[in-house]
């Protein structure tokens, strides 16, 4: 049975690599290149397409992380109901990690379902030279960048907490 648990851990790690690696690639590679290559409205439309494609992969990775994380916890005998008042370091770290996961899911939903679609609509309007729509799109783009970077930093904190769990 050890091979089953190794496979579950492997899927968990692969999903984490996919989720965080995709974010790092978008934030540190794709967006800087596009800033120099395309005007704002076209860049927003392209990033929207990239985001939609990554969302499919990203939500799958998140779902796998949740399922395999739960299975890993079950394997370790985690008492889920007592995590908020855990006395052990392991329980406290796991609870902190799960709280950050909840925030990441909320930020991901906000970005993908609210900010991204609004910016895409405004970018299409800005192509028609609507200065108010373009100004609003720019404000949303700044907020989107803040949400994206915050999400990435929280994910990196989650990975750090995960590393603490295996000590």
N, C-alpha and C. Protein backbone atom coordinates (compact mmCIF):
# COMPACT_ATOMS: atom_id res chain seq x y z
N UNK A 1 0.80 -1.22 0.00
CA UNK A 1 0.00 0.00 0.00
C UNK A 1 0.84 1.27 0.00
N UNK A 2 2.12 1.15 0.31
CA UNK A 2 2.95 2.34 0.32
C UNK A 2 2.98 3.03 -1.04
N UNK A 3 2.90 2.25 -2.12
CA UNK A 3 2.94 2.84 -3.46
C UNK A 3 1.71 3.71 -3.69
N UNK A 4 0.56 3.36 -3.08
CA UNK A 4 -0.66 4.16 -3.24
C UNK A 4 -0.46 5.52 -2.58
N UNK A 5 0.08 5.51 -1.35
CA UNK A 5 0.29 6.78 -0.64
C UNK A 5 1.37 7.61 -1.32
N UNK A 6 2.37 6.96 -1.87
CA UNK A 6 3.39 7.70 -2.63
C UNK A 6 2.75 8.34 -3.86
N UNK A 7 1.86 7.62 -4.52
CA UNK A 7 1.18 8.17 -5.70
C UNK A 7 0.29 9.35 -5.32
N UNK A 8 -0.39 9.26 -4.19
CA UNK A 8 -1.24 10.37 -3.73
C UNK A 8 -0.38 11.59 -3.44
N UNK A 9 0.74 11.38 -2.76
CA UNK A 9 1.65 12.50 -2.49
C UNK A 9 2.21 13.09 -3.78
N UNK A 10 2.54 12.21 -4.73
CA UNK A 10 3.07 12.64 -6.03
C UNK A 10 2.04 13.52 -6.76
N UNK A 11 0.78 13.09 -6.77
CA UNK A 11 -0.28 13.89 -7.41
C UNK A 11 -0.41 15.24 -6.70
N UNK A 12 -0.32 15.21 -5.37
CA UNK A 12 -0.41 16.46 -4.60
C UNK A 12 0.72 17.42 -4.99
N UNK A 13 1.93 16.89 -5.05
CA UNK A 13 3.08 17.72 -5.43
C UNK A 13 2.98 18.21 -6.87
N UNK A 14 2.57 17.35 -7.78
CA UNK A 14 2.41 17.73 -9.18
C UNK A 14 1.35 18.82 -9.34
N UNK A 15 0.26 18.69 -8.60
CA UNK A 15 -0.79 19.72 -8.66
C UNK A 15 -0.28 21.05 -8.11
N UNK A 16 0.49 21.01 -7.03
CA UNK A 16 1.07 22.23 -6.46
C UNK A 16 2.04 22.89 -7.44
N UNK A 17 2.86 22.07 -8.08
CA UNK A 17 3.81 22.59 -9.07
C UNK A 17 3.05 23.26 -10.22
N UNK A 18 2.00 22.61 -10.68
CA UNK A 18 1.20 23.14 -11.78
C UNK A 18 0.55 24.45 -11.39
N UNK A 19 -0.07 24.48 -10.24
CA UNK A 19 -0.80 25.66 -9.77
C UNK A 19 0.14 26.85 -9.55
N UNK A 20 1.18 26.64 -8.78
CA UNK A 20 2.07 27.75 -8.43
C UNK A 20 3.02 28.06 -9.59
N UNK A 21 3.48 27.04 -10.28
CA UNK A 21 4.36 27.28 -11.43
C UNK A 21 3.66 28.10 -12.51
N UNK A 22 2.39 27.80 -12.74
CA UNK A 22 1.62 28.58 -13.72
C UNK A 22 1.49 30.03 -13.30
N UNK A 23 1.24 30.26 -12.02
CA UNK A 23 1.14 31.64 -11.53
C UNK A 23 2.47 32.38 -11.66
N UNK A 24 3.54 31.72 -11.28
CA UNK A 24 4.86 32.35 -11.38
C UNK A 24 5.17 32.68 -12.83
N UNK A 25 4.90 31.76 -13.73
CA UNK A 25 5.16 31.99 -15.15
C UNK A 25 4.35 33.19 -15.67
N UNK A 26 3.08 33.24 -15.32
CA UNK A 26 2.25 34.36 -15.79
C UNK A 26 2.73 35.70 -15.22
N UNK A 27 2.97 35.73 -13.91
CA UNK A 27 3.32 36.99 -13.25
C UNK A 27 4.74 37.47 -13.60
N UNK A 28 5.69 36.54 -13.65
CA UNK A 28 7.08 36.94 -13.82
C UNK A 28 7.60 36.87 -15.26
N UNK A 29 6.89 36.16 -16.14
CA UNK A 29 7.38 36.01 -17.52
C UNK A 29 6.39 36.61 -18.52
N UNK A 30 5.17 36.11 -18.54
CA UNK A 30 4.21 36.52 -19.57
C UNK A 30 3.84 37.99 -19.46
N UNK A 31 3.42 38.43 -18.28
CA UNK A 31 2.96 39.81 -18.15
C UNK A 31 4.04 40.85 -18.45
N UNK A 32 5.27 40.68 -17.95
CA UNK A 32 6.30 41.66 -18.31
C UNK A 32 6.57 41.71 -19.82
N UNK A 33 6.55 40.58 -20.49
CA UNK A 33 6.77 40.56 -21.94
C UNK A 33 5.63 41.29 -22.64
N UNK A 34 4.41 40.99 -22.23
CA UNK A 34 3.25 41.61 -22.88
C UNK A 34 3.18 43.12 -22.65
N UNK A 35 3.65 43.57 -21.47
CA UNK A 35 3.64 45.02 -21.20
C UNK A 35 4.45 45.79 -22.24
N UNK A 36 5.52 45.20 -22.69
CA UNK A 36 6.35 45.87 -23.69
C UNK A 36 5.92 45.61 -25.12
N UNK A 37 5.06 44.63 -25.32
CA UNK A 37 4.73 44.21 -26.69
C UNK A 37 3.37 44.67 -27.18
N UNK A 38 2.43 44.91 -26.27
CA UNK A 38 1.07 45.22 -26.71
C UNK A 38 0.50 46.42 -25.97
N UNK A 39 -0.35 47.20 -26.64
CA UNK A 39 -1.08 48.27 -25.94
C UNK A 39 -2.03 47.66 -24.90
N UNK A 40 -2.41 48.45 -23.92
CA UNK A 40 -3.21 47.96 -22.79
C UNK A 40 -4.46 47.18 -23.18
N UNK A 41 -5.34 47.69 -24.03
CA UNK A 41 -6.56 46.93 -24.33
C UNK A 41 -6.28 45.56 -24.96
N UNK A 42 -5.34 45.51 -25.91
CA UNK A 42 -5.02 44.24 -26.54
C UNK A 42 -4.35 43.29 -25.54
N UNK A 43 -3.51 43.84 -24.68
CA UNK A 43 -2.84 43.02 -23.66
C UNK A 43 -3.89 42.42 -22.72
N UNK A 44 -4.86 43.22 -22.33
CA UNK A 44 -5.91 42.73 -21.43
C UNK A 44 -6.69 41.59 -22.08
N UNK A 45 -7.02 41.75 -23.36
CA UNK A 45 -7.76 40.70 -24.05
C UNK A 45 -6.95 39.41 -24.17
N UNK A 46 -5.66 39.54 -24.45
CA UNK A 46 -4.80 38.35 -24.54
C UNK A 46 -4.64 37.69 -23.17
N UNK A 47 -4.42 38.49 -22.14
CA UNK A 47 -4.28 37.94 -20.79
C UNK A 47 -5.58 37.26 -20.36
N UNK A 48 -6.70 37.81 -20.78
CA UNK A 48 -7.98 37.17 -20.48
C UNK A 48 -8.06 35.79 -21.11
N UNK A 49 -7.63 35.67 -22.35
CA UNK A 49 -7.62 34.35 -23.00
C UNK A 49 -6.67 33.39 -22.29
N UNK A 50 -5.49 33.88 -21.95
CA UNK A 50 -4.54 33.04 -21.21
C UNK A 50 -5.13 32.62 -19.86
N UNK A 51 -5.76 33.57 -19.20
CA UNK A 51 -6.36 33.29 -17.90
C UNK A 51 -7.47 32.26 -17.98
N UNK A 52 -8.28 32.34 -19.01
CA UNK A 52 -9.36 31.35 -19.18
C UNK A 52 -8.77 29.95 -19.39
N UNK A 53 -7.72 29.88 -20.18
CA UNK A 53 -7.09 28.58 -20.43
C UNK A 53 -6.44 28.05 -19.16
N UNK A 54 -5.73 28.92 -18.45
CA UNK A 54 -5.08 28.48 -17.22
C UNK A 54 -6.10 28.14 -16.14
N UNK A 55 -7.26 28.79 -16.17
CA UNK A 55 -8.29 28.51 -15.17
C UNK A 55 -8.71 27.05 -15.20
N UNK A 56 -8.82 26.47 -16.37
CA UNK A 56 -9.19 25.06 -16.49
C UNK A 56 -8.14 24.20 -15.78
N UNK A 57 -6.89 24.45 -16.09
CA UNK A 57 -5.78 23.70 -15.48
C UNK A 57 -5.69 24.03 -13.99
N UNK A 58 -5.82 25.31 -13.66
CA UNK A 58 -5.68 25.75 -12.28
C UNK A 58 -6.75 25.19 -11.35
N UNK A 59 -8.01 25.24 -11.76
CA UNK A 59 -9.08 24.71 -10.92
C UNK A 59 -8.95 23.20 -10.76
N UNK A 60 -8.50 22.51 -11.81
CA UNK A 60 -8.25 21.07 -11.70
C UNK A 60 -7.13 20.82 -10.69
N UNK A 61 -6.06 21.59 -10.79
CA UNK A 61 -4.96 21.45 -9.84
C UNK A 61 -5.43 21.73 -8.41
N UNK A 62 -6.22 22.78 -8.22
CA UNK A 62 -6.73 23.09 -6.88
C UNK A 62 -7.61 21.96 -6.35
N UNK A 63 -8.47 21.42 -7.21
CA UNK A 63 -9.32 20.31 -6.78
C UNK A 63 -8.47 19.11 -6.36
N UNK A 64 -7.46 18.81 -7.16
CA UNK A 64 -6.57 17.69 -6.81
C UNK A 64 -5.82 17.97 -5.51
N UNK A 65 -5.41 19.21 -5.30
CA UNK A 65 -4.73 19.57 -4.05
C UNK A 65 -5.64 19.35 -2.85
N UNK A 66 -6.89 19.74 -2.98
CA UNK A 66 -7.83 19.58 -1.87
C UNK A 66 -8.08 18.09 -1.58
N UNK A 67 -8.35 17.32 -2.62
CA UNK A 67 -8.63 15.89 -2.43
C UNK A 67 -7.41 15.16 -1.88
N UNK A 68 -6.26 15.36 -2.52
CA UNK A 68 -5.07 14.64 -2.05
C UNK A 68 -4.59 15.17 -0.70
N UNK A 69 -4.80 16.45 -0.43
CA UNK A 69 -4.47 16.98 0.89
C UNK A 69 -5.32 16.35 1.97
N UNK A 70 -6.61 16.20 1.69
CA UNK A 70 -7.49 15.52 2.64
C UNK A 70 -7.04 14.08 2.86
N UNK A 71 -6.74 13.38 1.77
CA UNK A 71 -6.29 11.99 1.89
C UNK A 71 -4.98 11.90 2.68
N UNK A 72 -4.06 12.81 2.44
CA UNK A 72 -2.81 12.83 3.20
C UNK A 72 -3.08 13.05 4.69
N UNK A 73 -4.01 13.96 4.98
CA UNK A 73 -4.39 14.19 6.37
C UNK A 73 -5.02 12.97 7.02
N UNK A 74 -5.88 12.30 6.27
CA UNK A 74 -6.49 11.07 6.79
C UNK A 74 -5.42 10.02 7.09
N UNK A 75 -4.46 9.91 6.20
CA UNK A 75 -3.35 8.95 6.37
C UNK A 75 -2.57 9.25 7.65
N UNK A 76 -2.43 10.52 7.95
CA UNK A 76 -1.69 10.92 9.16
C UNK A 76 -2.56 10.94 10.41
N UNK A 77 -3.87 10.67 10.24
CA UNK A 77 -4.77 10.63 11.40
C UNK A 77 -5.16 12.00 11.92
N UNK A 78 -5.26 12.97 11.04
CA UNK A 78 -5.63 14.33 11.45
C UNK A 78 -7.06 14.34 11.99
N UNK A 79 -7.24 14.94 13.14
CA UNK A 79 -8.58 15.13 13.71
C UNK A 79 -9.08 16.49 13.21
N UNK A 80 -9.75 16.48 12.08
CA UNK A 80 -10.15 17.72 11.39
C UNK A 80 -10.96 18.65 12.29
N UNK A 81 -11.86 18.08 13.06
CA UNK A 81 -12.75 18.91 13.87
C UNK A 81 -12.03 19.66 14.98
N UNK A 82 -10.85 19.18 15.38
CA UNK A 82 -10.13 19.85 16.47
C UNK A 82 -8.99 20.75 15.98
N UNK A 83 -8.85 20.90 14.68
CA UNK A 83 -7.75 21.74 14.16
C UNK A 83 -7.80 23.19 14.66
N UNK A 84 -8.98 23.82 14.72
CA UNK A 84 -8.97 25.23 15.18
C UNK A 84 -8.42 25.42 16.58
N UNK A 85 -8.44 24.39 17.40
CA UNK A 85 -7.91 24.50 18.77
C UNK A 85 -6.75 23.54 19.00
N UNK A 86 -6.08 23.20 17.94
CA UNK A 86 -4.99 22.21 18.02
C UNK A 86 -3.91 22.67 18.99
N UNK A 87 -3.44 21.72 19.77
CA UNK A 87 -2.34 21.99 20.70
C UNK A 87 -0.99 21.68 20.09
N UNK A 88 -0.98 20.79 19.11
CA UNK A 88 0.30 20.39 18.51
C UNK A 88 0.73 21.41 17.45
N UNK A 89 2.03 21.49 17.25
CA UNK A 89 2.57 22.36 16.21
C UNK A 89 2.05 21.92 14.85
N UNK A 90 2.01 20.61 14.62
CA UNK A 90 1.52 20.09 13.35
C UNK A 90 0.08 20.59 13.09
N UNK A 91 -0.78 20.45 14.07
CA UNK A 91 -2.17 20.88 13.92
C UNK A 91 -2.30 22.38 13.69
N UNK A 92 -1.49 23.16 14.39
CA UNK A 92 -1.53 24.62 14.22
C UNK A 92 -1.06 25.02 12.84
N UNK A 93 0.01 24.40 12.37
CA UNK A 93 0.54 24.72 11.04
C UNK A 93 -0.46 24.29 9.97
N UNK A 94 -1.03 23.11 10.13
CA UNK A 94 -2.02 22.63 9.15
C UNK A 94 -3.23 23.55 9.13
N UNK A 95 -3.69 23.98 10.28
CA UNK A 95 -4.84 24.89 10.33
C UNK A 95 -4.52 26.21 9.64
N UNK A 96 -3.33 26.76 9.89
CA UNK A 96 -2.92 28.00 9.22
C UNK A 96 -2.88 27.80 7.71
N UNK A 97 -2.34 26.67 7.29
CA UNK A 97 -2.27 26.35 5.86
C UNK A 97 -3.67 26.29 5.26
N UNK A 98 -4.59 25.62 5.91
CA UNK A 98 -5.95 25.50 5.40
C UNK A 98 -6.67 26.85 5.35
N UNK A 99 -6.40 27.71 6.32
CA UNK A 99 -6.98 29.06 6.29
C UNK A 99 -6.47 29.83 5.07
N UNK A 100 -5.17 29.72 4.80
CA UNK A 100 -4.60 30.39 3.62
C UNK A 100 -5.18 29.80 2.34
N UNK A 101 -5.39 28.50 2.31
CA UNK A 101 -6.00 27.86 1.13
C UNK A 101 -7.38 28.45 0.89
N UNK A 102 -8.16 28.65 1.94
CA UNK A 102 -9.49 29.23 1.79
C UNK A 102 -9.41 30.64 1.21
N UNK A 103 -8.44 31.43 1.68
CA UNK A 103 -8.27 32.79 1.14
C UNK A 103 -7.85 32.73 -0.32
N UNK A 104 -6.95 31.82 -0.66
CA UNK A 104 -6.50 31.66 -2.05
C UNK A 104 -7.67 31.29 -2.97
N UNK A 105 -8.51 30.39 -2.51
CA UNK A 105 -9.67 30.00 -3.32
C UNK A 105 -10.59 31.21 -3.53
N UNK A 106 -10.81 31.99 -2.48
CA UNK A 106 -11.66 33.18 -2.60
C UNK A 106 -11.04 34.20 -3.57
N UNK A 107 -9.74 34.44 -3.44
CA UNK A 107 -9.08 35.40 -4.33
C UNK A 107 -9.08 34.90 -5.77
N UNK A 108 -8.88 33.61 -5.95
CA UNK A 108 -8.90 33.03 -7.30
C UNK A 108 -10.28 33.20 -7.92
N UNK A 109 -11.31 32.95 -7.15
CA UNK A 109 -12.68 33.13 -7.64
C UNK A 109 -12.94 34.59 -7.98
N UNK A 110 -12.56 35.50 -7.08
CA UNK A 110 -12.74 36.94 -7.32
C UNK A 110 -12.05 37.36 -8.60
N UNK A 111 -10.81 36.92 -8.77
CA UNK A 111 -10.05 37.32 -9.94
C UNK A 111 -10.64 36.74 -11.22
N UNK A 112 -10.96 35.46 -11.19
CA UNK A 112 -11.41 34.79 -12.40
C UNK A 112 -12.85 35.05 -12.78
N UNK A 113 -13.69 35.29 -11.79
CA UNK A 113 -15.12 35.44 -12.07
C UNK A 113 -15.61 36.88 -12.03
N UNK A 114 -14.85 37.77 -11.42
CA UNK A 114 -15.30 39.16 -11.30
C UNK A 114 -14.35 40.10 -12.04
N UNK A 115 -13.11 40.17 -11.57
CA UNK A 115 -12.17 41.15 -12.13
C UNK A 115 -11.83 40.88 -13.59
N UNK A 116 -11.45 39.65 -13.89
CA UNK A 116 -11.06 39.31 -15.27
C UNK A 116 -12.14 39.60 -16.29
N UNK A 117 -13.37 39.10 -16.09
CA UNK A 117 -14.43 39.38 -17.06
C UNK A 117 -14.75 40.87 -17.20
N UNK A 118 -14.72 41.60 -16.09
CA UNK A 118 -14.98 43.05 -16.17
C UNK A 118 -13.89 43.75 -16.99
N UNK A 119 -12.65 43.39 -16.75
CA UNK A 119 -11.56 44.02 -17.49
C UNK A 119 -11.65 43.69 -18.98
N UNK A 120 -12.04 42.46 -19.31
CA UNK A 120 -12.17 42.08 -20.72
C UNK A 120 -13.26 42.90 -21.40
N UNK A 121 -14.40 43.07 -20.73
CA UNK A 121 -15.48 43.89 -21.30
C UNK A 121 -15.01 45.33 -21.50
N UNK A 122 -14.32 45.86 -20.51
CA UNK A 122 -13.85 47.25 -20.60
C UNK A 122 -12.76 47.40 -21.66
N UNK A 123 -11.93 46.39 -21.84
CA UNK A 123 -10.90 46.45 -22.88
C UNK A 123 -11.55 46.50 -24.26
N UNK A 124 -12.62 45.73 -24.42
CA UNK A 124 -13.34 45.75 -25.70
C UNK A 124 -13.96 47.13 -25.93
N UNK A 125 -14.48 47.75 -24.88
CA UNK A 125 -15.04 49.10 -24.99
C UNK A 125 -13.94 50.12 -25.26
N UNK A 126 -12.79 49.94 -24.62
CA UNK A 126 -11.68 50.89 -24.79
C UNK A 126 -11.18 50.87 -26.22
N UNK A 127 -11.34 49.71 -26.88
CA UNK A 127 -10.94 49.64 -28.28
C UNK A 127 -11.78 50.61 -29.10
N UNK A 128 -12.96 50.96 -28.59
CA UNK A 128 -13.81 51.95 -29.26
C UNK A 128 -13.54 53.37 -28.76
N UNK A 129 -12.41 53.55 -28.09
CA UNK A 129 -11.96 54.87 -27.62
C UNK A 129 -12.88 55.51 -26.59
N UNK A 130 -13.34 54.74 -25.62
CA UNK A 130 -14.13 55.27 -24.51
C UNK A 130 -13.17 55.55 -23.35
N UNK A 131 -12.83 56.83 -23.12
CA UNK A 131 -11.82 57.15 -22.09
C UNK A 131 -12.25 56.74 -20.68
N UNK A 132 -13.53 56.84 -20.38
CA UNK A 132 -13.99 56.46 -19.04
C UNK A 132 -13.85 54.95 -18.84
N UNK A 133 -14.19 54.18 -19.85
CA UNK A 133 -14.05 52.73 -19.76
C UNK A 133 -12.58 52.36 -19.62
N UNK A 134 -11.72 53.03 -20.36
CA UNK A 134 -10.28 52.74 -20.27
C UNK A 134 -9.73 53.10 -18.90
N UNK A 135 -10.17 54.22 -18.32
CA UNK A 135 -9.70 54.61 -16.99
C UNK A 135 -10.15 53.59 -15.94
N UNK A 136 -11.39 53.15 -16.04
CA UNK A 136 -11.90 52.14 -15.11
C UNK A 136 -11.16 50.82 -15.30
N UNK A 137 -10.88 50.45 -16.55
CA UNK A 137 -10.14 49.22 -16.83
C UNK A 137 -8.76 49.27 -16.20
N UNK A 138 -8.13 50.43 -16.27
CA UNK A 138 -6.79 50.58 -15.67
C UNK A 138 -6.84 50.42 -14.16
N UNK A 139 -7.88 50.98 -13.52
CA UNK A 139 -8.04 50.81 -12.07
C UNK A 139 -8.25 49.33 -11.73
N UNK A 140 -9.09 48.68 -12.53
CA UNK A 140 -9.30 47.25 -12.31
C UNK A 140 -8.02 46.45 -12.55
N UNK A 141 -7.24 46.87 -13.53
CA UNK A 141 -5.98 46.19 -13.82
C UNK A 141 -5.03 46.29 -12.63
N UNK A 142 -4.98 47.45 -12.00
CA UNK A 142 -4.14 47.61 -10.80
C UNK A 142 -4.64 46.70 -9.68
N UNK A 143 -5.97 46.69 -9.48
CA UNK A 143 -6.54 45.82 -8.46
C UNK A 143 -6.28 44.35 -8.79
N UNK A 144 -6.40 44.01 -10.05
CA UNK A 144 -6.13 42.64 -10.50
C UNK A 144 -4.68 42.25 -10.21
N UNK A 145 -3.77 43.16 -10.46
CA UNK A 145 -2.35 42.89 -10.20
C UNK A 145 -2.12 42.67 -8.70
N UNK A 146 -2.76 43.48 -7.88
CA UNK A 146 -2.62 43.33 -6.42
C UNK A 146 -3.17 41.98 -5.98
N UNK A 147 -4.34 41.62 -6.50
CA UNK A 147 -4.95 40.33 -6.14
C UNK A 147 -4.05 39.19 -6.61
N UNK A 148 -3.53 39.28 -7.83
CA UNK A 148 -2.68 38.22 -8.38
C UNK A 148 -1.40 38.04 -7.58
N UNK A 149 -0.73 39.13 -7.26
CA UNK A 149 0.51 39.04 -6.50
C UNK A 149 0.24 38.56 -5.08
N UNK A 150 -0.84 39.05 -4.48
CA UNK A 150 -1.21 38.57 -3.14
C UNK A 150 -1.48 37.08 -3.16
N UNK A 151 -2.21 36.64 -4.18
CA UNK A 151 -2.51 35.22 -4.32
C UNK A 151 -1.23 34.40 -4.46
N UNK A 152 -0.31 34.86 -5.28
CA UNK A 152 0.96 34.16 -5.46
C UNK A 152 1.74 34.11 -4.15
N UNK A 153 1.82 35.22 -3.44
CA UNK A 153 2.54 35.24 -2.17
C UNK A 153 1.90 34.31 -1.14
N UNK A 154 0.57 34.28 -1.10
CA UNK A 154 -0.12 33.37 -0.19
C UNK A 154 0.17 31.91 -0.56
N UNK A 155 0.20 31.64 -1.85
CA UNK A 155 0.52 30.28 -2.29
C UNK A 155 1.94 29.89 -1.89
N UNK A 156 2.86 30.82 -1.99
CA UNK A 156 4.24 30.54 -1.55
C UNK A 156 4.29 30.30 -0.04
N UNK A 157 3.48 31.05 0.70
CA UNK A 157 3.39 30.82 2.15
C UNK A 157 2.81 29.44 2.44
N UNK A 158 1.83 29.01 1.65
CA UNK A 158 1.25 27.68 1.81
C UNK A 158 2.32 26.61 1.57
N UNK A 159 3.14 26.79 0.56
CA UNK A 159 4.21 25.83 0.30
C UNK A 159 5.20 25.79 1.47
N UNK A 160 5.50 26.96 2.04
CA UNK A 160 6.38 27.00 3.20
C UNK A 160 5.76 26.22 4.36
N UNK A 161 4.47 26.46 4.60
CA UNK A 161 3.81 25.73 5.69
C UNK A 161 3.78 24.24 5.41
N UNK A 162 3.60 23.87 4.15
CA UNK A 162 3.63 22.44 3.79
C UNK A 162 5.01 21.85 4.10
N UNK A 163 6.05 22.61 3.83
CA UNK A 163 7.41 22.14 4.15
C UNK A 163 7.57 21.96 5.66
N UNK A 164 6.95 22.81 6.44
CA UNK A 164 7.02 22.67 7.90
C UNK A 164 6.29 21.43 8.39
N UNK A 165 5.27 21.01 7.64
CA UNK A 165 4.50 19.83 8.06
C UNK A 165 5.29 18.53 7.94
N UNK A 166 6.28 18.49 7.09
CA UNK A 166 7.02 17.24 6.90
C UNK A 166 8.29 17.16 7.75
N UNK A 167 8.49 18.13 8.59
CA UNK A 167 9.68 18.09 9.48
C UNK A 167 9.53 17.03 10.53
